[in-house]
N, C-alpha and C. Protein backbone atom coordinates (compact mmCIF):
# COMPACT_ATOMS: atom_id res chain seq x y z
N MET A 1 85.82 78.35 95.27
CA MET A 1 86.67 77.97 96.37
C MET A 1 86.06 78.40 97.72
N LYS A 2 85.51 79.62 97.75
CA LYS A 2 84.87 80.12 98.95
C LYS A 2 83.71 79.21 99.37
N ASN A 3 82.96 78.74 98.40
CA ASN A 3 81.84 77.83 98.65
C ASN A 3 82.35 76.51 99.24
N LEU A 4 83.44 75.99 98.72
CA LEU A 4 84.01 74.75 99.21
C LEU A 4 84.46 74.88 100.66
N ILE A 5 85.09 75.99 101.01
CA ILE A 5 85.53 76.23 102.38
C ILE A 5 84.34 76.29 103.32
N LEU A 6 83.29 76.97 102.92
CA LEU A 6 82.08 77.04 103.75
C LEU A 6 81.47 75.66 103.95
N GLN A 7 81.47 74.83 102.91
CA GLN A 7 80.92 73.48 103.03
C GLN A 7 81.76 72.65 103.99
N VAL A 8 83.08 72.76 103.93
CA VAL A 8 83.96 72.01 104.83
C VAL A 8 83.73 72.46 106.27
N ILE A 9 83.64 73.77 106.48
CA ILE A 9 83.38 74.28 107.83
C ILE A 9 82.05 73.76 108.34
N PHE A 10 81.02 73.78 107.52
CA PHE A 10 79.71 73.30 107.92
C PHE A 10 79.74 71.81 108.28
N ILE A 11 80.46 71.03 107.51
CA ILE A 11 80.55 69.59 107.75
C ILE A 11 81.32 69.30 109.03
N LEU A 12 82.40 70.02 109.29
CA LEU A 12 83.24 69.74 110.45
C LEU A 12 82.70 70.36 111.74
N SER A 13 81.96 71.42 111.66
CA SER A 13 81.48 72.11 112.86
C SER A 13 80.65 71.24 113.78
N PRO A 14 79.70 70.46 113.29
CA PRO A 14 78.92 69.63 114.22
C PRO A 14 79.78 68.64 115.01
N LEU A 15 80.89 68.20 114.45
CA LEU A 15 81.75 67.25 115.15
C LEU A 15 82.34 67.87 116.41
N SER A 16 82.62 69.16 116.38
CA SER A 16 83.24 69.79 117.53
C SER A 16 82.25 70.08 118.65
N ILE A 17 80.96 70.05 118.37
CA ILE A 17 79.98 70.34 119.42
C ILE A 17 79.27 69.10 119.95
N ILE A 18 79.65 67.94 119.46
CA ILE A 18 79.06 66.71 119.98
C ILE A 18 79.58 66.48 121.39
N ALA A 19 78.69 66.35 122.33
CA ALA A 19 79.06 66.19 123.74
C ALA A 19 79.43 64.74 124.03
N GLN A 20 80.36 64.57 124.94
CA GLN A 20 80.78 63.24 125.39
C GLN A 20 79.62 62.58 126.14
N THR A 21 79.36 61.33 125.83
CA THR A 21 78.35 60.59 126.57
C THR A 21 79.02 59.45 127.33
N TYR A 22 78.39 59.02 128.40
CA TYR A 22 78.96 58.01 129.28
C TYR A 22 77.98 56.87 129.51
N ALA A 23 78.53 55.74 129.93
CA ALA A 23 77.71 54.56 130.22
C ALA A 23 78.16 53.96 131.55
N VAL A 24 77.29 53.16 132.14
CA VAL A 24 77.62 52.47 133.39
C VAL A 24 78.89 51.66 133.17
N GLY A 25 79.82 51.80 134.12
CA GLY A 25 81.08 51.07 134.05
C GLY A 25 82.24 51.90 133.51
N ASP A 26 81.96 53.07 132.91
CA ASP A 26 83.04 53.94 132.43
C ASP A 26 83.82 54.50 133.62
N PHE A 27 85.13 54.68 133.43
CA PHE A 27 85.97 55.28 134.46
C PHE A 27 86.25 56.72 134.06
N VAL A 28 85.54 57.66 134.65
CA VAL A 28 85.64 59.08 134.32
C VAL A 28 85.37 59.93 135.56
N HIS A 29 85.77 61.17 135.50
CA HIS A 29 85.49 62.13 136.58
C HIS A 29 85.88 61.60 137.95
N GLY A 30 86.98 60.86 137.99
CA GLY A 30 87.52 60.37 139.26
C GLY A 30 86.87 59.13 139.82
N GLY A 31 85.93 58.54 139.10
CA GLY A 31 85.25 57.36 139.62
C GLY A 31 84.64 56.52 138.53
N ILE A 32 83.77 55.62 138.93
CA ILE A 32 83.15 54.67 138.02
C ILE A 32 81.67 55.01 137.90
N VAL A 33 81.22 55.20 136.67
CA VAL A 33 79.84 55.58 136.42
C VAL A 33 78.91 54.43 136.84
N PHE A 34 77.91 54.78 137.66
CA PHE A 34 76.88 53.80 138.01
C PHE A 34 75.49 54.27 137.65
N SER A 35 75.36 55.54 137.26
CA SER A 35 74.06 56.08 136.88
C SER A 35 74.27 57.23 135.90
N VAL A 36 73.49 57.23 134.80
CA VAL A 36 73.54 58.34 133.84
C VAL A 36 72.12 58.80 133.52
N ASP A 37 72.00 60.08 133.17
CA ASP A 37 70.69 60.60 132.78
C ASP A 37 70.41 60.21 131.32
N LYS A 38 69.26 60.60 130.82
CA LYS A 38 68.86 60.22 129.45
C LYS A 38 69.81 60.75 128.39
N SER A 39 70.44 61.89 128.65
CA SER A 39 71.37 62.47 127.67
C SER A 39 72.69 61.70 127.63
N GLY A 40 73.00 60.97 128.70
CA GLY A 40 74.27 60.26 128.80
C GLY A 40 75.43 61.16 129.16
N GLN A 41 75.16 62.44 129.39
CA GLN A 41 76.21 63.42 129.67
C GLN A 41 76.40 63.71 131.15
N HIS A 42 75.41 63.39 131.96
CA HIS A 42 75.46 63.67 133.39
C HIS A 42 75.05 62.43 134.17
N GLY A 43 75.58 62.32 135.36
CA GLY A 43 75.22 61.18 136.18
C GLY A 43 76.00 61.16 137.48
N LEU A 44 76.23 59.95 137.97
CA LEU A 44 76.92 59.75 139.24
C LEU A 44 78.04 58.73 139.08
N VAL A 45 79.14 58.96 139.79
CA VAL A 45 80.24 58.00 139.85
C VAL A 45 80.47 57.63 141.31
N CYS A 46 81.01 56.44 141.53
CA CYS A 46 81.45 56.04 142.87
C CYS A 46 82.97 55.90 142.84
N SER A 47 83.58 56.07 144.00
CA SER A 47 85.03 55.95 144.09
C SER A 47 85.45 54.52 143.75
N LYS A 48 86.70 54.37 143.33
CA LYS A 48 87.18 53.05 142.88
C LYS A 48 87.66 52.18 144.04
N PHE A 49 87.59 52.69 145.24
CA PHE A 49 87.96 51.92 146.42
C PHE A 49 87.15 52.42 147.62
N ASP A 50 87.15 51.65 148.68
CA ASP A 50 86.47 52.07 149.91
C ASP A 50 87.21 53.26 150.50
N VAL A 51 86.48 54.30 150.82
CA VAL A 51 87.07 55.50 151.41
C VAL A 51 87.45 55.23 152.87
N LEU A 52 86.71 54.38 153.51
CA LEU A 52 86.92 54.06 154.91
C LEU A 52 86.34 52.68 155.19
N GLN A 53 86.94 51.98 156.14
CA GLN A 53 86.42 50.67 156.54
C GLN A 53 86.19 50.65 158.04
N PHE A 54 85.20 49.89 158.44
CA PHE A 54 84.89 49.67 159.86
C PHE A 54 84.78 50.99 160.62
N THR A 55 83.80 51.77 160.22
CA THR A 55 83.62 53.09 160.82
C THR A 55 82.16 53.34 161.17
N ASP A 56 81.94 54.38 161.96
CA ASP A 56 80.57 54.76 162.29
C ASP A 56 80.04 55.75 161.25
N TRP A 57 78.76 56.06 161.33
CA TRP A 57 78.09 56.88 160.33
C TRP A 57 78.61 58.32 160.30
N ASP A 58 78.80 58.95 161.46
CA ASP A 58 79.28 60.33 161.50
C ASP A 58 80.65 60.46 160.82
N GLU A 59 81.54 59.54 161.11
CA GLU A 59 82.86 59.57 160.49
C GLU A 59 82.75 59.31 158.98
N ALA A 60 81.83 58.47 158.58
CA ALA A 60 81.62 58.20 157.15
C ALA A 60 81.21 59.46 156.41
N VAL A 61 80.27 60.22 156.99
CA VAL A 61 79.81 61.46 156.37
C VAL A 61 80.97 62.46 156.27
N LYS A 62 81.73 62.61 157.36
CA LYS A 62 82.85 63.56 157.37
C LYS A 62 83.92 63.17 156.35
N ARG A 63 84.26 61.89 156.30
CA ARG A 63 85.33 61.45 155.39
C ARG A 63 84.94 61.66 153.94
N CYS A 64 83.70 61.37 153.59
CA CYS A 64 83.26 61.59 152.21
C CYS A 64 83.31 63.07 151.83
N ALA A 65 82.94 63.92 152.77
CA ALA A 65 82.93 65.37 152.51
C ALA A 65 84.33 65.93 152.29
N THR A 66 85.35 65.29 152.85
CA THR A 66 86.72 65.78 152.70
C THR A 66 87.53 64.95 151.70
N PHE A 67 86.92 63.93 151.13
CA PHE A 67 87.60 63.05 150.17
C PHE A 67 87.84 63.78 148.85
N PHE A 68 88.94 63.47 148.20
CA PHE A 68 89.19 63.98 146.85
C PHE A 68 89.97 62.95 146.07
N GLN A 69 89.86 63.01 144.75
CA GLN A 69 90.59 62.17 143.83
C GLN A 69 91.40 63.07 142.92
N VAL A 70 92.57 62.62 142.52
CA VAL A 70 93.38 63.34 141.54
C VAL A 70 93.34 62.54 140.25
N THR A 71 92.94 63.19 139.16
CA THR A 71 92.87 62.51 137.87
C THR A 71 94.26 62.33 137.28
N ASN A 72 94.36 61.57 136.19
CA ASN A 72 95.64 61.34 135.52
C ASN A 72 96.29 62.64 135.04
N ASN A 73 95.49 63.65 134.75
CA ASN A 73 96.05 64.93 134.30
C ASN A 73 96.13 65.95 135.44
N GLY A 74 96.14 65.50 136.69
CA GLY A 74 96.40 66.36 137.83
C GLY A 74 95.25 67.20 138.33
N VAL A 75 94.03 66.92 137.90
CA VAL A 75 92.88 67.69 138.35
C VAL A 75 92.38 67.10 139.68
N PHE A 76 92.16 67.98 140.67
CA PHE A 76 91.61 67.56 141.96
C PHE A 76 90.09 67.55 141.86
N LEU A 77 89.49 66.40 142.12
CA LEU A 77 88.03 66.29 142.08
C LEU A 77 87.51 66.16 143.50
N LYS A 78 86.71 67.13 143.89
CA LYS A 78 86.14 67.16 145.24
C LYS A 78 84.63 66.95 145.13
N GLU A 79 83.91 67.39 146.12
CA GLU A 79 82.45 67.30 146.16
C GLU A 79 81.94 65.86 146.21
N TRP A 80 82.65 65.00 146.92
CA TRP A 80 82.20 63.63 147.15
C TRP A 80 81.27 63.63 148.35
N ARG A 81 80.45 62.61 148.45
CA ARG A 81 79.51 62.49 149.57
C ARG A 81 79.15 61.03 149.76
N LEU A 82 78.48 60.76 150.86
CA LEU A 82 77.96 59.43 151.14
C LEU A 82 76.73 59.20 150.26
N PRO A 83 76.62 58.04 149.62
CA PRO A 83 75.44 57.81 148.75
C PRO A 83 74.16 57.63 149.54
N THR A 84 73.03 57.97 148.91
CA THR A 84 71.73 57.69 149.51
C THR A 84 71.50 56.17 149.47
N LYS A 85 70.47 55.71 150.17
CA LYS A 85 70.18 54.26 150.13
C LYS A 85 69.78 53.83 148.73
N GLU A 86 69.09 54.70 147.97
CA GLU A 86 68.71 54.36 146.60
C GLU A 86 69.94 54.27 145.69
N GLU A 87 70.87 55.22 145.85
CA GLU A 87 72.10 55.19 145.05
C GLU A 87 72.95 53.98 145.40
N LEU A 88 73.02 53.65 146.68
CA LEU A 88 73.80 52.49 147.11
C LEU A 88 73.21 51.20 146.53
N ASN A 89 71.89 51.13 146.44
CA ASN A 89 71.27 49.96 145.83
C ASN A 89 71.56 49.90 144.33
N GLN A 90 71.59 51.07 143.66
CA GLN A 90 71.98 51.09 142.23
C GLN A 90 73.40 50.58 142.06
N ILE A 91 74.29 50.99 142.97
CA ILE A 91 75.68 50.53 142.92
C ILE A 91 75.72 49.02 143.11
N TYR A 92 74.96 48.52 144.07
CA TYR A 92 74.90 47.07 144.30
C TYR A 92 74.45 46.35 143.03
N GLU A 93 73.41 46.86 142.38
CA GLU A 93 72.89 46.22 141.18
C GLU A 93 73.88 46.24 140.02
N LYS A 94 74.79 47.22 140.01
CA LYS A 94 75.78 47.35 138.93
C LYS A 94 77.18 46.91 139.39
N ARG A 95 77.26 46.20 140.52
CA ARG A 95 78.54 45.89 141.15
C ARG A 95 79.51 45.12 140.26
N SER A 96 79.02 44.26 139.37
CA SER A 96 79.92 43.50 138.50
C SER A 96 80.70 44.43 137.58
N GLU A 97 79.99 45.35 136.92
CA GLU A 97 80.67 46.31 136.04
C GLU A 97 81.58 47.23 136.84
N ILE A 98 81.11 47.68 138.00
CA ILE A 98 81.89 48.59 138.84
C ILE A 98 83.15 47.89 139.33
N ASP A 99 83.03 46.66 139.83
CA ASP A 99 84.19 45.92 140.32
C ASP A 99 85.22 45.72 139.22
N SER A 100 84.79 45.33 138.02
CA SER A 100 85.73 45.11 136.90
C SER A 100 86.49 46.39 136.56
N THR A 101 85.76 47.49 136.47
CA THR A 101 86.39 48.77 136.13
C THR A 101 87.31 49.23 137.25
N ALA A 102 86.89 49.07 138.49
CA ALA A 102 87.72 49.47 139.63
C ALA A 102 89.05 48.73 139.61
N ILE A 103 89.00 47.43 139.46
CA ILE A 103 90.22 46.62 139.47
C ILE A 103 91.12 46.98 138.29
N ALA A 104 90.52 47.20 137.12
CA ALA A 104 91.29 47.57 135.92
C ALA A 104 91.97 48.93 136.06
N ASN A 105 91.49 49.76 136.99
CA ASN A 105 92.03 51.11 137.16
C ASN A 105 92.69 51.32 138.53
N GLY A 106 93.21 50.24 139.11
CA GLY A 106 93.95 50.35 140.36
C GLY A 106 93.10 50.45 141.60
N GLY A 107 91.82 50.16 141.50
CA GLY A 107 90.92 50.20 142.66
C GLY A 107 90.68 48.81 143.21
N GLU A 108 89.57 48.65 143.88
CA GLU A 108 89.25 47.36 144.51
C GLU A 108 87.76 47.05 144.36
N ALA A 109 87.46 45.77 144.39
CA ALA A 109 86.08 45.31 144.33
C ALA A 109 85.40 45.60 145.67
N PHE A 110 84.07 45.63 145.64
CA PHE A 110 83.32 45.79 146.88
C PHE A 110 83.51 44.56 147.76
N GLU A 111 83.56 44.79 149.06
CA GLU A 111 83.65 43.70 150.02
C GLU A 111 82.33 42.95 150.03
N LYS A 112 82.39 41.64 149.94
CA LYS A 112 81.17 40.84 149.90
C LYS A 112 81.13 39.81 151.04
N ASP A 113 81.99 39.99 152.04
CA ASP A 113 82.01 39.07 153.16
C ASP A 113 80.66 39.09 153.88
N LEU A 114 80.30 37.95 154.43
CA LEU A 114 79.06 37.88 155.21
C LEU A 114 79.12 38.89 156.34
N GLY A 115 78.06 39.59 156.52
CA GLY A 115 77.99 40.55 157.62
C GLY A 115 78.63 41.89 157.33
N LEU A 116 79.18 42.09 156.12
CA LEU A 116 79.80 43.37 155.79
C LEU A 116 78.83 44.24 155.01
N TYR A 117 78.64 45.44 155.48
CA TYR A 117 77.67 46.37 154.90
C TYR A 117 78.34 47.69 154.58
N TYR A 118 77.65 48.51 153.78
CA TYR A 118 78.10 49.86 153.44
C TYR A 118 77.07 50.87 153.94
N TRP A 119 77.58 51.98 154.51
CA TRP A 119 76.71 53.04 155.00
C TRP A 119 76.08 53.81 153.85
N SER A 120 74.84 54.27 154.07
CA SER A 120 74.19 55.22 153.18
C SER A 120 73.99 56.52 153.96
N SER A 121 73.66 57.59 153.25
CA SER A 121 73.40 58.87 153.91
C SER A 121 71.96 58.98 154.40
N THR A 122 71.12 58.01 154.04
CA THR A 122 69.70 58.08 154.37
C THR A 122 69.49 57.74 155.85
N GLU A 123 68.97 58.73 156.55
CA GLU A 123 68.78 58.60 158.00
C GLU A 123 67.37 58.14 158.34
N ILE A 124 67.27 57.51 159.50
CA ILE A 124 65.99 57.14 160.09
C ILE A 124 65.98 57.83 161.45
N GLY A 125 65.30 58.95 161.51
CA GLY A 125 65.34 59.74 162.73
C GLY A 125 66.73 60.30 162.95
N THR A 126 67.08 60.49 164.22
CA THR A 126 68.39 61.07 164.53
C THR A 126 69.42 60.04 164.95
N THR A 127 69.00 58.79 165.14
CA THR A 127 69.93 57.80 165.69
C THR A 127 70.29 56.64 164.77
N HIS A 128 69.57 56.48 163.65
CA HIS A 128 69.80 55.34 162.77
C HIS A 128 69.97 55.76 161.31
N ALA A 129 70.61 54.90 160.53
CA ALA A 129 70.77 55.13 159.09
C ALA A 129 70.69 53.78 158.37
N TRP A 130 70.46 53.84 157.07
CA TRP A 130 70.34 52.64 156.25
C TRP A 130 71.71 52.11 155.83
N LEU A 131 71.79 50.79 155.73
CA LEU A 131 72.99 50.08 155.26
C LEU A 131 72.62 49.22 154.07
N GLN A 132 73.62 48.88 153.24
CA GLN A 132 73.43 47.98 152.10
C GLN A 132 74.37 46.79 152.26
N SER A 133 73.83 45.58 152.19
CA SER A 133 74.64 44.37 152.18
C SER A 133 75.11 44.12 150.75
N PHE A 134 76.41 43.92 150.56
CA PHE A 134 76.92 43.57 149.23
C PHE A 134 77.10 42.06 149.10
N ALA A 135 76.83 41.33 150.17
CA ALA A 135 76.85 39.87 150.10
C ALA A 135 75.50 39.34 149.63
N PHE A 136 74.40 39.95 150.13
CA PHE A 136 73.07 39.44 149.85
C PHE A 136 72.15 40.43 149.14
N GLY A 137 72.50 41.72 149.13
CA GLY A 137 71.73 42.71 148.39
C GLY A 137 70.61 43.39 149.15
N PHE A 138 70.37 43.02 150.38
CA PHE A 138 69.28 43.66 151.11
C PHE A 138 69.78 44.89 151.86
N GLN A 139 68.84 45.73 152.26
CA GLN A 139 69.14 46.91 153.04
C GLN A 139 68.53 46.75 154.42
N THR A 140 69.19 47.32 155.42
CA THR A 140 68.72 47.27 156.79
C THR A 140 69.14 48.56 157.49
N MET A 141 68.58 48.80 158.65
CA MET A 141 68.96 50.00 159.40
C MET A 141 69.83 49.60 160.58
N MET A 142 70.64 50.59 161.02
CA MET A 142 71.54 50.34 162.14
C MET A 142 71.79 51.65 162.87
N SER A 143 72.15 51.54 164.13
CA SER A 143 72.52 52.72 164.92
C SER A 143 73.72 53.40 164.27
N LYS A 144 73.67 54.72 164.18
CA LYS A 144 74.77 55.49 163.58
C LYS A 144 76.07 55.33 164.35
N GLY A 145 75.98 54.93 165.61
CA GLY A 145 77.18 54.76 166.44
C GLY A 145 77.90 53.45 166.19
N SER A 146 77.28 52.53 165.47
CA SER A 146 77.93 51.25 165.17
C SER A 146 79.15 51.52 164.29
N ASN A 147 80.27 50.90 164.62
CA ASN A 147 81.50 51.24 163.90
C ASN A 147 82.10 50.07 163.14
N SER A 148 81.27 49.31 162.48
CA SER A 148 81.82 48.15 161.77
C SER A 148 81.39 48.09 160.31
N PHE A 149 81.20 49.27 159.68
CA PHE A 149 80.71 49.27 158.30
C PHE A 149 81.61 50.09 157.38
N ASN A 150 81.55 49.78 156.10
CA ASN A 150 82.42 50.40 155.11
C ASN A 150 81.77 51.58 154.43
N VAL A 151 82.58 52.32 153.67
CA VAL A 151 82.13 53.54 153.02
C VAL A 151 82.69 53.60 151.61
N ARG A 152 81.81 53.88 150.64
CA ARG A 152 82.22 54.16 149.27
C ARG A 152 81.58 55.49 148.89
N ALA A 153 82.38 56.46 148.49
CA ALA A 153 81.89 57.81 148.20
C ALA A 153 81.33 57.91 146.78
N VAL A 154 80.45 58.89 146.56
CA VAL A 154 79.88 59.17 145.24
C VAL A 154 79.97 60.68 144.96
N ARG A 155 79.90 61.02 143.68
CA ARG A 155 79.84 62.43 143.27
C ARG A 155 79.11 62.53 141.95
N ALA A 156 78.54 63.70 141.69
CA ALA A 156 77.84 63.95 140.44
C ALA A 156 78.81 64.49 139.40
N PHE A 157 78.48 64.26 138.13
CA PHE A 157 79.26 64.86 137.03
C PHE A 157 78.31 65.41 136.00
């Protein structure tokens, strides 16, 4: 009997230590997964809606830094930030999965109107930063003082 109990414990133990893995499009950690590492356990999520619309770069950075999400079980998730230009391009490339998951979870799709762009955290000198077009997919630079661009926050998990 003692042998049988040890065998059952041995068989069940590995199940309890298997780590959760994630894929692009999953809704976890307060956002939608757009990037995962090789283990599938760590990566980046973006918020399910625009944090701010028609704003300048400085306000975009500030708003992301103070943004938080509350999960279904009441956990406050902080540590959001403005995505880099590379991360924003990854989000653009995965926008179909992200939009579907966002809408299914009470969020919104990315704005794709002509002329509408999203700010990145990647700066060009002290006066300009990179933007991502979600209508056409290209990136361009703009003065940080321009106040007509949207913001989607990201965080690591």
